C-alpha atoms as a PDB file:
ATOM      1  CA  UNK A   1     130.878 181.458  57.477  1.00  0.00           C
ATOM      2  CA  UNK A   2     129.426 184.959  58.089  1.00  0.00           C
ATOM      3  CA  UNK A   3     131.239 185.724  61.357  1.00  0.00           C
ATOM      4  CA  UNK A   4     132.409 189.345  61.462  1.00  0.00           C
ATOM      5  CA  UNK A   5     134.653 190.392  58.593  1.00  0.00           C
ATOM      6  CA  UNK A   6     135.485 193.408  56.424  1.00  0.00           C
ATOM      7  CA  UNK A   7     135.582 193.701  52.626  1.00  0.00           C
ATOM      8  CA  UNK A   8     139.231 194.808  52.529  1.00  0.00           C
ATOM      9  CA  UNK A   9     141.579 193.106  54.986  1.00  0.00           C
ATOM     10  CA  UNK A  10     144.488 195.347  53.973  1.00  0.00           C
ATOM     11  CA  UNK A  11     143.010 198.281  55.911  1.00  0.00           C
ATOM     12  CA  UNK A  12     143.235 196.414  59.223  1.00  0.00           C
ATOM     13  CA  UNK A  13     146.075 196.559  61.777  1.00  0.00           C
ATOM     14  CA  UNK A  14     148.838 194.067  60.939  1.00  0.00           C
ATOM     15  CA  UNK A  15     150.347 191.623  63.385  1.00  0.00           C
ATOM     16  CA  UNK A  16     154.123 191.642  63.506  1.00  0.00           C
ATOM     17  CA  UNK A  17     156.086 189.371  61.212  1.00  0.00           C
ATOM     18  CA  UNK A  18     157.842 186.418  62.828  1.00  0.00           C
ATOM     19  CA  UNK A  19     160.687 187.761  64.968  1.00  0.00           C
ATOM     20  CA  UNK A  20     164.114 186.256  64.305  1.00  0.00           C
ATOM     21  CA  UNK A  21     165.010 183.875  67.072  1.00  0.00           C
ATOM     22  CA  UNK A  22     161.514 183.753  68.571  1.00  0.00           C
ATOM     23  CA  UNK A  23     160.623 180.355  70.001  1.00  0.00           C
ATOM     24  CA  UNK A  24     157.667 178.927  68.097  1.00  0.00           C
ATOM     25  CA  UNK A  25     155.417 176.610  70.065  1.00  0.00           C
ATOM     26  CA  UNK A  26     155.867 172.954  69.174  1.00  0.00           C
ATOM     27  CA  UNK A  27     153.031 170.417  69.024  1.00  0.00           C
ATOM     28  CA  UNK A  28     152.643 168.343  72.179  1.00  0.00           C
ATOM     29  CA  UNK A  29     149.470 166.462  71.236  1.00  0.00           C
ATOM     30  CA  UNK A  30     146.874 166.279  68.450  1.00  0.00           C
ATOM     31  CA  UNK A  31     143.417 164.799  69.066  1.00  0.00           C
ATOM     32  CA  UNK A  32     140.292 164.359  66.947  1.00  0.00           C
ATOM     33  CA  UNK A  33     137.027 165.497  68.524  1.00  0.00           C
ATOM     34  CA  UNK A  34     134.383 162.765  68.816  1.00  0.00           C
ATOM     35  CA  UNK A  35     130.822 163.552  67.805  1.00  0.00           C
ATOM     36  CA  UNK A  36     127.885 163.627  70.191  1.00  0.00           C
ATOM     37  CA  UNK A  37     124.656 165.432  71.034  1.00  0.00           C
ATOM     38  CA  UNK A  38     123.818 168.137  73.542  1.00  0.00           C
ATOM     39  CA  UNK A  39     120.692 169.740  74.992  1.00  0.00           C
ATOM     40  CA  UNK A  40     117.558 168.669  73.150  1.00  0.00           C
ATOM     41  CA  UNK A  41     119.607 166.850  70.533  1.00  0.00           C
ATOM     42  CA  UNK A  42     121.768 169.275  68.541  1.00  0.00           C
ATOM     43  CA  UNK A  43     125.036 167.794  67.204  1.00  0.00           C
ATOM     44  CA  UNK A  44     128.388 168.737  68.742  1.00  0.00           C
ATOM     45  CA  UNK A  45     132.049 167.827  68.528  1.00  0.00           C
ATOM     46  CA  UNK A  46     133.783 167.474  71.929  1.00  0.00           C
ATOM     47  CA  UNK A  47     136.993 169.348  71.174  1.00  0.00           C
ATOM     48  CA  UNK A  48     138.787 168.617  74.455  1.00  0.00           C
ATOM     49  CA  UNK A  49     138.004 164.885  74.650  1.00  0.00           C
ATOM     50  CA  UNK A  50     141.074 162.808  75.432  1.00  0.00           C
ATOM     51  CA  UNK A  51     143.243 165.728  76.597  1.00  0.00           C
ATOM     52  CA  UNK A  52     144.739 165.838  80.099  1.00  0.00           C
ATOM     53  CA  UNK A  53     142.976 168.556  82.117  1.00  0.00           C
ATOM     54  CA  UNK A  54     146.346 169.984  83.188  1.00  0.00           C
ATOM     55  CA  UNK A  55     147.099 170.829  79.543  1.00  0.00           C
ATOM     56  CA  UNK A  56     143.784 172.679  79.227  1.00  0.00           C
ATOM     57  CA  UNK A  57     143.863 174.746  82.438  1.00  0.00           C
ATOM     58  CA  UNK A  58     142.158 177.283  82.782  1.00  0.00           C
ATOM     59  CA  UNK A  59     139.731 175.814  80.227  1.00  0.00           C
ATOM     60  CA  UNK A  60     137.360 172.989  81.080  1.00  0.00           C
ATOM     61  CA  UNK A  61     135.254 172.116  78.054  1.00  0.00           C
ATOM     62  CA  UNK A  62     134.783 173.099  74.393  1.00  0.00           C
ATOM     63  CA  UNK A  63     131.935 172.062  72.084  1.00  0.00           C
ATOM     64  CA  UNK A  64     131.721 172.885  68.402  1.00  0.00           C
ATOM     65  CA  UNK A  65     127.957 173.154  67.880  1.00  0.00           C
ATOM     66  CA  UNK A  66     127.082 172.074  64.345  1.00  0.00           C
ATOM     67  CA  UNK A  67     127.879 172.911  61.586  1.00  0.00           C
ATOM     68  CA  UNK A  68     124.415 171.643  60.560  1.00  0.00           C
ATOM     69  CA  UNK A  69     121.717 172.712  58.089  1.00  0.00           C
ATOM     70  CA  UNK A  70     118.354 172.215  59.802  1.00  0.00           C
ATOM     71  CA  UNK A  71     115.163 171.435  57.931  1.00  0.00           C
ATOM     72  CA  UNK A  72     111.961 173.211  59.053  1.00  0.00           C
ATOM     73  CA  UNK A  73     110.962 172.054  62.539  1.00  0.00           C
ATOM     74  CA  UNK A  74     114.398 170.613  63.372  1.00  0.00           C
ATOM     75  CA  UNK A  75     116.332 173.432  65.179  1.00  0.00           C
ATOM     76  CA  UNK A  76     116.985 172.561  68.827  1.00  0.00           C
ATOM     77  CA  UNK A  77     118.343 174.203  71.963  1.00  0.00           C
ATOM     78  CA  UNK A  78     118.650 173.350  75.654  1.00  0.00           C
ATOM     79  CA  UNK A  79     116.074 173.181  78.434  1.00  0.00           C
ATOM     80  CA  UNK A  80     116.557 175.236  81.608  1.00  0.00           C
ATOM     81  CA  UNK A  81     119.685 174.005  83.385  1.00  0.00           C
ATOM     82  CA  UNK A  82     121.969 175.192  86.236  1.00  0.00           C
ATOM     83  CA  UNK A  83     125.605 176.378  86.295  1.00  0.00           C
ATOM     84  CA  UNK A  84     128.009 177.220  89.125  1.00  0.00           C
ATOM     85  CA  UNK A  85     131.718 177.874  89.475  1.00  0.00           C
ATOM     86  CA  UNK A  86     132.799 178.816  85.933  1.00  0.00           C
ATOM     87  CA  UNK A  87     132.111 180.958  82.852  1.00  0.00           C
ATOM     88  CA  UNK A  88     130.343 179.896  79.655  1.00  0.00           C
ATOM     89  CA  UNK A  89     131.359 181.576  76.405  1.00  0.00           C
ATOM     90  CA  UNK A  90     128.926 180.981  73.519  1.00  0.00           C
ATOM     91  CA  UNK A  91     130.228 182.247  70.170  1.00  0.00           C
ATOM     92  CA  UNK A  92     127.646 182.142  67.388  1.00  0.00           C
ATOM     93  CA  UNK A  93     129.079 181.876  63.872  1.00  0.00           C
ATOM     94  CA  UNK A  94     125.987 180.950  61.822  1.00  0.00           C
ATOM     95  CA  UNK A  95     122.343 181.057  62.857  1.00  0.00           C
ATOM     96  CA  UNK A  96     120.534 182.646  65.780  1.00  0.00           C
ATOM     97  CA  UNK A  97     120.279 181.588  69.420  1.00  0.00           C
ATOM     98  CA  UNK A  98     118.107 183.162  72.115  1.00  0.00           C
ATOM     99  CA  UNK A  99     119.296 182.872  75.695  1.00  0.00           C
ATOM    100  CA  UNK A 100     117.926 183.768  79.096  1.00  0.00           C
ATOM    101  CA  UNK A 101     118.968 183.275  82.709  1.00  0.00           C
ATOM    102  CA  UNK A 102     117.353 183.461  86.114  1.00  0.00           C
ATOM    103  CA  UNK A 103     119.213 186.695  87.000  1.00  0.00           C
ATOM    104  CA  UNK A 104     117.746 188.770  84.186  1.00  0.00           C
ATOM    105  CA  UNK A 105     120.417 188.266  81.540  1.00  0.00           C
ATOM    106  CA  UNK A 106     119.584 187.269  78.002  1.00  0.00           C
ATOM    107  CA  UNK A 107     118.987 188.272  74.430  1.00  0.00           C
ATOM    108  CA  UNK A 108     119.795 186.980  70.931  1.00  0.00           C
ATOM    109  CA  UNK A 109     123.192 186.265  69.417  1.00  0.00           C
ATOM    110  CA  UNK A 110     123.971 185.791  65.730  1.00  0.00           C
ATOM    111  CA  UNK A 111     126.811 185.968  63.176  1.00  0.00           C
ATOM    112  CA  UNK A 112     129.844 186.846  65.281  1.00  0.00           C
ATOM    113  CA  UNK A 113     128.086 187.746  68.551  1.00  0.00           C
ATOM    114  CA  UNK A 114     129.209 186.206  71.851  1.00  0.00           C
ATOM    115  CA  UNK A 115     127.283 185.556  75.054  1.00  0.00           C
ATOM    116  CA  UNK A 116     129.737 185.588  77.982  1.00  0.00           C
ATOM    117  CA  UNK A 117     128.143 184.411  81.200  1.00  0.00           C
ATOM    118  CA  UNK A 118     129.939 184.283  84.543  1.00  0.00           C
ATOM    119  CA  UNK A 119     127.867 181.743  86.448  1.00  0.00           C
ATOM    120  CA  UNK A 120     129.753 182.382  89.696  1.00  0.00           C
ATOM    121  CA  UNK A 121     127.648 181.364  92.693  1.00  0.00           C
ATOM    122  CA  UNK A 122     124.981 179.886  90.441  1.00  0.00           C
ATOM    123  CA  UNK A 123     122.018 180.487  88.173  1.00  0.00           C
ATOM    124  CA  UNK A 124     119.627 178.789  85.760  1.00  0.00           C
ATOM    125  CA  UNK A 125     120.118 179.181  82.024  1.00  0.00           C
ATOM    126  CA  UNK A 126     118.239 178.504  78.781  1.00  0.00           C
ATOM    127  CA  UNK A 127     119.396 178.494  75.141  1.00  0.00           C
ATOM    128  CA  UNK A 128     116.911 178.025  72.296  1.00  0.00           C
ATOM    129  CA  UNK A 129     116.431 178.974  68.639  1.00  0.00           C
ATOM    130  CA  UNK A 130     113.715 181.604  68.061  1.00  0.00           C
ATOM    131  CA  UNK A 131     110.320 180.299  66.970  1.00  0.00           C
ATOM    132  CA  UNK A 132     110.651 181.682  63.423  1.00  0.00           C
ATOM    133  CA  UNK A 133     113.931 179.803  62.973  1.00  0.00           C
ATOM    134  CA  UNK A 134     112.374 176.555  64.207  1.00  0.00           C
ATOM    135  CA  UNK A 135     109.599 176.989  61.653  1.00  0.00           C
ATOM    136  CA  UNK A 136     111.914 177.844  58.772  1.00  0.00           C
ATOM    137  CA  UNK A 137     115.088 175.863  59.527  1.00  0.00           C
ATOM    138  CA  UNK A 138     118.541 177.045  58.555  1.00  0.00           C
ATOM    139  CA  UNK A 139     122.260 176.851  59.258  1.00  0.00           C
ATOM    140  CA  UNK A 140     123.468 176.464  62.847  1.00  0.00           C
ATOM    141  CA  UNK A 141     127.145 176.718  63.837  1.00  0.00           C
ATOM    142  CA  UNK A 142     128.911 177.977  66.926  1.00  0.00           C
ATOM    143  CA  UNK A 143     131.175 177.246  69.873  1.00  0.00           C
ATOM    144  CA  UNK A 144     130.658 176.950  73.588  1.00  0.00           C
ATOM    145  CA  UNK A 145     133.726 177.239  75.807  1.00  0.00           C
ATOM    146  CA  UNK A 146     133.812 176.694  79.565  1.00  0.00           C
ATOM    147  CA  UNK A 147     136.404 178.773  81.427  1.00  0.00           C
ATOM    148  CA  UNK A 148     137.193 177.838  85.010  1.00  0.00           C
ATOM    149  CA  UNK A 149     137.062 180.395  87.803  1.00  0.00           C
ATOM    150  CA  UNK A 150     139.674 180.507  90.572  1.00  0.00           C
ATOM    151  CA  UNK A 151     138.508 179.544  94.027  1.00  0.00           C
ATOM    152  CA  UNK A 152     138.196 183.191  95.099  1.00  0.00           C
ATOM    153  CA  UNK A 153     135.783 183.948  92.224  1.00  0.00           C
ATOM    154  CA  UNK A 154     133.518 180.900  92.288  1.00  0.00           C
ATOM    155  CA  UNK A 155     131.063 182.615  94.617  1.00  0.00           C
ATOM    156  CA  UNK A 156     130.809 185.913  92.781  1.00  0.00           C
ATOM    157  CA  UNK A 157     127.293 187.107  91.856  1.00  0.00           C
ATOM    158  CA  UNK A 158     126.380 185.957  88.322  1.00  0.00           C
ATOM    159  CA  UNK A 159     127.345 188.408  85.600  1.00  0.00           C
ATOM    160  CA  UNK A 160     126.574 188.644  81.891  1.00  0.00           C
ATOM    161  CA  UNK A 161     128.410 190.277  78.974  1.00  0.00           C
ATOM    162  CA  UNK A 162     126.686 190.876  75.666  1.00  0.00           C
ATOM    163  CA  UNK A 163     129.502 191.021  73.077  1.00  0.00           C
ATOM    164  CA  UNK A 164     128.352 192.179  69.653  1.00  0.00           C
ATOM    165  CA  UNK A 165     130.171 191.306  66.437  1.00  0.00           C
ATOM    166  CA  UNK A 166     130.881 194.991  65.830  1.00  0.00           C
ATOM    167  CA  UNK A 167     132.997 195.112  69.011  1.00  0.00           C
ATOM    168  CA  UNK A 168     135.363 192.267  68.084  1.00  0.00           C
ATOM    169  CA  UNK A 169     139.000 193.294  67.642  1.00  0.00           C
ATOM    170  CA  UNK A 170     140.117 192.814  64.026  1.00  0.00           C
ATOM    171  CA  UNK A 171     143.565 192.470  62.500  1.00  0.00           C
ATOM    172  CA  UNK A 172     145.428 190.683  59.765  1.00  0.00           C
ATOM    173  CA  UNK A 173     148.769 189.042  59.087  1.00  0.00           C
ATOM    174  CA  UNK A 174     151.595 191.105  57.517  1.00  0.00           C
ATOM    175  CA  UNK A 175     150.640 189.952  53.987  1.00  0.00           C
ATOM    176  CA  UNK A 176     146.868 190.242  54.692  1.00  0.00           C
ATOM    177  CA  UNK A 177     146.495 186.512  54.028  1.00  0.00           C
ATOM    178  CA  UNK A 178     144.779 185.834  57.352  1.00  0.00           C
ATOM    179  CA  UNK A 179     142.021 187.637  59.258  1.00  0.00           C
ATOM    180  CA  UNK A 180     142.064 187.487  63.044  1.00  0.00           C
ATOM    181  CA  UNK A 181     139.106 188.224  65.274  1.00  0.00           C
ATOM    182  CA  UNK A 182     140.076 188.794  68.912  1.00  0.00           C
ATOM    183  CA  UNK A 183     137.073 188.007  71.101  1.00  0.00           C
ATOM    184  CA  UNK A 184     138.861 188.181  74.454  1.00  0.00           C
ATOM    185  CA  UNK A 185     142.305 189.217  75.626  1.00  0.00           C
ATOM    186  CA  UNK A 186     144.944 191.002  73.582  1.00  0.00           C
ATOM    187  CA  UNK A 187     147.094 189.728  70.730  1.00  0.00           C
ATOM    188  CA  UNK A 188     149.870 191.989  69.454  1.00  0.00           C
ATOM    189  CA  UNK A 189     147.994 195.134  70.482  1.00  0.00           C
ATOM    190  CA  UNK A 190     144.621 194.005  69.098  1.00  0.00           C
ATOM    191  CA  UNK A 191     142.175 193.786  71.990  1.00  0.00           C
ATOM    192  CA  UNK A 192     138.909 191.888  72.228  1.00  0.00           C
ATOM    193  CA  UNK A 193     135.795 193.106  74.061  1.00  0.00           C
ATOM    194  CA  UNK A 194     135.454 190.206  76.502  1.00  0.00           C
ATOM    195  CA  UNK A 195     136.312 190.977  80.136  1.00  0.00           C
ATOM    196  CA  UNK A 196     137.781 187.851  81.713  1.00  0.00           C
ATOM    197  CA  UNK A 197     138.151 186.863  85.364  1.00  0.00           C
ATOM    198  CA  UNK A 198     141.034 184.593  84.375  1.00  0.00           C
ATOM    199  CA  UNK A 199     143.711 186.123  82.083  1.00  0.00           C
ATOM    200  CA  UNK A 200     143.167 184.542  78.642  1.00  0.00           C
ATOM    201  CA  UNK A 201     142.874 185.121  74.908  1.00  0.00           C
ATOM    202  CA  UNK A 202     140.357 183.795  72.383  1.00  0.00           C
ATOM    203  CA  UNK A 203     140.938 184.295  68.650  1.00  0.00           C
ATOM    204  CA  UNK A 204     138.979 183.133  65.585  1.00  0.00           C
ATOM    205  CA  UNK A 205     141.250 183.215  62.528  1.00  0.00           C
ATOM    206  CA  UNK A 206     140.506 182.722  58.835  1.00  0.00           C
ATOM    207  CA  UNK A 207     143.626 181.701  56.903  1.00  0.00           C
ATOM    208  CA  UNK A 208     143.371 181.785  53.102  1.00  0.00           C
ATOM    209  CA  UNK A 209     144.778 178.891  51.026  1.00  0.00           C
ATOM    210  CA  UNK A 210     148.571 178.903  51.041  1.00  0.00           C
ATOM    211  CA  UNK A 211     148.829 181.635  53.694  1.00  0.00           C
ATOM    212  CA  UNK A 212     150.499 181.399  57.088  1.00  0.00           C
ATOM    213  CA  UNK A 213     149.690 183.220  60.328  1.00  0.00           C
ATOM    214  CA  UNK A 214     152.216 183.753  63.125  1.00  0.00           C
ATOM    215  CA  UNK A 215     150.662 185.094  66.335  1.00  0.00           C
ATOM    216  CA  UNK A 216     152.778 186.510  69.178  1.00  0.00           C
ATOM    217  CA  UNK A 217     151.589 184.649  72.279  1.00  0.00           C
ATOM    218  CA  UNK A 218     152.099 185.342  75.972  1.00  0.00           C
ATOM    219  CA  UNK A 219     154.661 182.939  77.385  1.00  0.00           C
ATOM    220  CA  UNK A 220     152.687 182.526  80.641  1.00  0.00           C
ATOM    221  CA  UNK A 221     149.638 181.288  78.667  1.00  0.00           C
ATOM    222  CA  UNK A 222     149.044 177.784  77.394  1.00  0.00           C
ATOM    223  CA  UNK A 223     148.097 177.470  73.713  1.00  0.00           C
ATOM    224  CA  UNK A 224     145.417 175.392  71.967  1.00  0.00           C
ATOM    225  CA  UNK A 225     144.472 175.426  68.273  1.00  0.00           C
ATOM    226  CA  UNK A 226     141.141 173.912  67.197  1.00  0.00           C
ATOM    227  CA  UNK A 227     140.135 173.582  63.533  1.00  0.00           C
ATOM    228  CA  UNK A 228     136.526 174.539  62.802  1.00  0.00           C
ATOM    229  CA  UNK A 229     136.895 173.674  59.115  1.00  0.00           C
ATOM    230  CA  UNK A 230     139.507 173.256  56.427  1.00  0.00           C
ATOM    231  CA  UNK A 231     142.947 171.685  56.136  1.00  0.00           C
ATOM    232  CA  UNK A 232     146.278 173.078  57.194  1.00  0.00           C
ATOM    233  CA  UNK A 233     149.128 172.781  59.645  1.00  0.00           C
ATOM    234  CA  UNK A 234     150.316 174.085  62.983  1.00  0.00           C
ATOM    235  CA  UNK A 235     153.749 174.996  64.359  1.00  0.00           C
ATOM    236  CA  UNK A 236     156.991 175.524  62.503  1.00  0.00           C
ATOM    237  CA  UNK A 237     157.170 171.754  62.062  1.00  0.00           C
ATOM    238  CA  UNK A 238     154.044 172.035  59.847  1.00  0.00           C
ATOM    239  CA  UNK A 239     152.154 169.310  61.687  1.00  0.00           C
ATOM    240  CA  UNK A 240     149.007 168.545  59.604  1.00  0.00           C
ATOM    241  CA  UNK A 241     145.717 169.599  61.178  1.00  0.00           C
ATOM    242  CA  UNK A 242     142.202 169.290  59.767  1.00  0.00           C
ATOM    243  CA  UNK A 243     138.532 169.842  60.636  1.00  0.00           C
ATOM    244  CA  UNK A 244     137.605 168.707  64.135  1.00  0.00           C
ATOM    245  CA  UNK A 245     141.183 168.350  65.372  1.00  0.00           C
ATOM    246  CA  UNK A 246     142.806 170.039  68.374  1.00  0.00           C
ATOM    247  CA  UNK A 247     146.515 170.761  68.743  1.00  0.00           C
ATOM    248  CA  UNK A 248     147.969 171.272  72.216  1.00  0.00           C
ATOM    249  CA  UNK A 249     151.140 173.334  71.973  1.00  0.00           C
ATOM    250  CA  UNK A 250     154.133 173.579  74.265  1.00  0.00           C
ATOM    251  CA  UNK A 251     156.047 176.581  75.573  1.00  0.00           C
ATOM    252  CA  UNK A 252     157.083 179.407  73.276  1.00  0.00           C
ATOM    253  CA  UNK A 253     156.602 182.968  72.110  1.00  0.00           C
ATOM    254  CA  UNK A 254     154.588 182.463  68.911  1.00  0.00           C
ATOM    255  CA  UNK A 255     151.790 180.278  67.519  1.00  0.00           C
ATOM    256  CA  UNK A 256     152.019 179.360  63.824  1.00  0.00           C
ATOM    257  CA  UNK A 257     149.023 178.225  61.757  1.00  0.00           C
ATOM    258  CA  UNK A 258     149.013 177.707  57.985  1.00  0.00           C
ATOM    259  CA  UNK A 259     146.419 176.723  55.387  1.00  0.00           C
ATOM    260  CA  UNK A 260     146.932 174.127  52.665  1.00  0.00           C
ATOM    261  CA  UNK A 261     146.857 175.497  49.128  1.00  0.00           C
ATOM    262  CA  UNK A 262     143.936 173.217  48.271  1.00  0.00           C
ATOM    263  CA  UNK A 263     140.867 173.213  50.513  1.00  0.00           C
ATOM    264  CA  UNK A 264     137.761 171.032  50.556  1.00  0.00           C
ATOM    265  CA  UNK A 265     134.967 172.192  48.272  1.00  0.00           C
ATOM    266  CA  UNK A 266     132.602 173.198  51.116  1.00  0.00           C
ATOM    267  CA  UNK A 267     135.040 175.719  52.601  1.00  0.00           C
ATOM    268  CA  UNK A 268     137.319 178.198  50.885  1.00  0.00           C
ATOM    269  CA  UNK A 269     139.735 178.784  53.801  1.00  0.00           C
ATOM    270  CA  UNK A 270     141.091 177.321  57.024  1.00  0.00           C
ATOM    271  CA  UNK A 271     139.036 178.395  60.045  1.00  0.00           C
ATOM    272  CA  UNK A 272     140.674 177.971  63.461  1.00  0.00           C
ATOM    273  CA  UNK A 273     140.147 179.045  67.045  1.00  0.00           C
ATOM    274  CA  UNK A 274     143.273 179.786  69.077  1.00  0.00           C
ATOM    275  CA  UNK A 275     142.886 179.715  72.857  1.00  0.00           C
ATOM    276  CA  UNK A 276     145.298 180.451  75.659  1.00  0.00           C
ATOM    277  CA  UNK A 277     145.123 181.329  79.310  1.00  0.00           C
ATOM    278  CA  UNK A 278     147.035 181.578  82.541  1.00  0.00           C
ATOM    279  CA  UNK A 279     146.700 178.231  84.367  1.00  0.00           C
ATOM    280  CA  UNK A 280     144.845 178.457  87.681  1.00  0.00           C
ATOM    281  CA  UNK A 281     146.534 175.340  89.120  1.00  0.00           C
ATOM    282  CA  UNK A 282     143.839 174.544  91.664  1.00  0.00           C
ATOM    283  CA  UNK A 283     142.000 171.256  92.256  1.00  0.00           C
ATOM    284  CA  UNK A 284     139.048 170.774  89.912  1.00  0.00           C
ATOM    285  CA  UNK A 285     136.018 168.596  90.616  1.00  0.00           C
ATOM    286  CA  UNK A 286     133.596 168.702  87.697  1.00  0.00           C
ATOM    287  CA  UNK A 287     130.234 166.968  87.634  1.00  0.00           C
ATOM    288  CA  UNK A 288     127.696 167.946  84.998  1.00  0.00           C
ATOM    289  CA  UNK A 289     126.944 171.686  85.168  1.00  0.00           C
ATOM    290  CA  UNK A 290     129.095 172.376  88.246  1.00  0.00           C
ATOM    291  CA  UNK A 291     132.863 173.025  88.292  1.00  0.00           C
ATOM    292  CA  UNK A 292     134.183 173.357  91.831  1.00  0.00           C
ATOM    293  CA  UNK A 293     137.318 172.664  93.894  1.00  0.00           C
ATOM    294  CA  UNK A 294     136.051 169.833  96.076  1.00  0.00           C
ATOM    295  CA  UNK A 295     133.531 167.006  95.866  1.00  0.00           C
ATOM    296  CA  UNK A 296     131.695 168.459  98.873  1.00  0.00           C
ATOM    297  CA  UNK A 297     131.182 171.718  96.966  1.00  0.00           C
ATOM    298  CA  UNK A 298     129.737 169.827  94.009  1.00  0.00           C
ATOM    299  CA  UNK A 299     127.385 167.880  96.287  1.00  0.00           C
ATOM    300  CA  UNK A 300     126.324 171.205  97.832  1.00  0.00           C
ATOM    301  CA  UNK A 301     125.670 172.630  94.362  1.00  0.00           C
ATOM    302  CA  UNK A 302     123.345 169.751  93.476  1.00  0.00           C
ATOM    303  CA  UNK A 303     121.569 170.203  96.806  1.00  0.00           C
ATOM    304  CA  UNK A 304     121.210 173.954  96.286  1.00  0.00           C
ATOM    305  CA  UNK A 305     119.831 173.370  92.805  1.00  0.00           C
ATOM    306  CA  UNK A 306     117.318 170.860  94.092  1.00  0.00           C
ATOM    307  CA  UNK A 307     116.116 173.318  96.731  1.00  0.00           C
ATOM    308  CA  UNK A 308     115.757 176.192  94.267  1.00  0.00           C
ATOM    309  CA  UNK A 309     118.671 178.228  95.639  1.00  0.00           C
ATOM    310  CA  UNK A 310     120.186 178.775  92.179  1.00  0.00           C
ATOM    311  CA  UNK A 311     117.178 180.764  91.042  1.00  0.00           C
ATOM    312  CA  UNK A 312     113.736 180.190  89.587  1.00  0.00           C
ATOM    313  CA  UNK A 313     112.597 180.029  85.986  1.00  0.00           C
ATOM    314  CA  UNK A 314     111.288 183.467  84.944  1.00  0.00           C
ATOM    315  CA  UNK A 315     107.597 183.594  84.081  1.00  0.00           C
ATOM    316  CA  UNK A 316     108.112 186.359  81.513  1.00  0.00           C
ATOM    317  CA  UNK A 317     110.538 185.920  78.589  1.00  0.00           C
ATOM    318  CA  UNK A 318     113.535 188.239  78.606  1.00  0.00           C
ATOM    319  CA  UNK A 319     113.118 191.441  76.578  1.00  0.00           C
ATOM    320  CA  UNK A 320     116.222 191.900  74.438  1.00  0.00           C
ATOM    321  CA  UNK A 321     117.511 195.433  74.999  1.00  0.00           C
ATOM    322  CA  UNK A 322     119.134 195.333  71.557  1.00  0.00           C
ATOM    323  CA  UNK A 323     115.850 194.624  69.833  1.00  0.00           C
ATOM    324  CA  UNK A 324     114.448 191.287  68.783  1.00  0.00           C
ATOM    325  CA  UNK A 325     116.118 189.599  65.806  1.00  0.00           C
ATOM    326  CA  UNK A 326     113.213 188.957  63.508  1.00  0.00           C
ATOM    327  CA  UNK A 327     112.902 186.556  60.580  1.00  0.00           C
ATOM    328  CA  UNK A 328     115.060 188.107  57.825  1.00  0.00           C
ATOM    329  CA  UNK A 329     112.715 186.601  55.213  1.00  0.00           C
END
């Protein structure tokens, strides 16, 4: 898992040790993500399936894309498709994905990069592996998170953030047994590069076998822990949690995640994503690529898309201002 790291974790800022008397968040619900397919047929796990939307607010949807090793000719992406009313956060862990939208955004993301797109009033979007990767095949693994926008922000002009792996906030637990990557928000003074319309935090943590991570967590945020790979536990009650499972946590001041001493042979650590945000508490009507407040607004979005009001497909591919990621071979 080549997401951003450093050779020596001990040189990184340390999170605080568990504070005496701090209320650790208890487990409210654990679910196992069902498998499915997205876009042109790439495999996903639907991390939020079976969870009450009120427990997820301000989040709408989370897909774990892969982990899959493609043979030559197999890598897949998505065709052009519309979005309105929310933000998409695509975090690439392994592999390369090109993306482009009808408002001029786009580029390539790989190994710890994040594409943060505020769809706002609407746009068209495309995600696809580069041609050289399709020809060669390779590992593909990432996440796509949908973050709701409050009513006042759903009609903002579309906006794009290109978050490079080198910008991710890094820290470690007091004993350096866990590495945390803060992609958005702030956790114990470690700040991520993502600028969010809705107050939230997104953390990718690697917890080594037998280690435990205690994260201070804002009490006005909800808290979700999703396991990308490995075996471990969550909360002070040490509730078991394994690959493809989501834990919804209750109120409290800290989030505890620990790794079992013995891990499966394919992975040498527990990999988790911890999410939290300030609930928006507004009505949500979600149909396909549109997340709005009323059914009439969703119907209008489909009508606007059909009439070309969400943009047109560019005739010239986007030129990546960071330079094209070429075949490393």
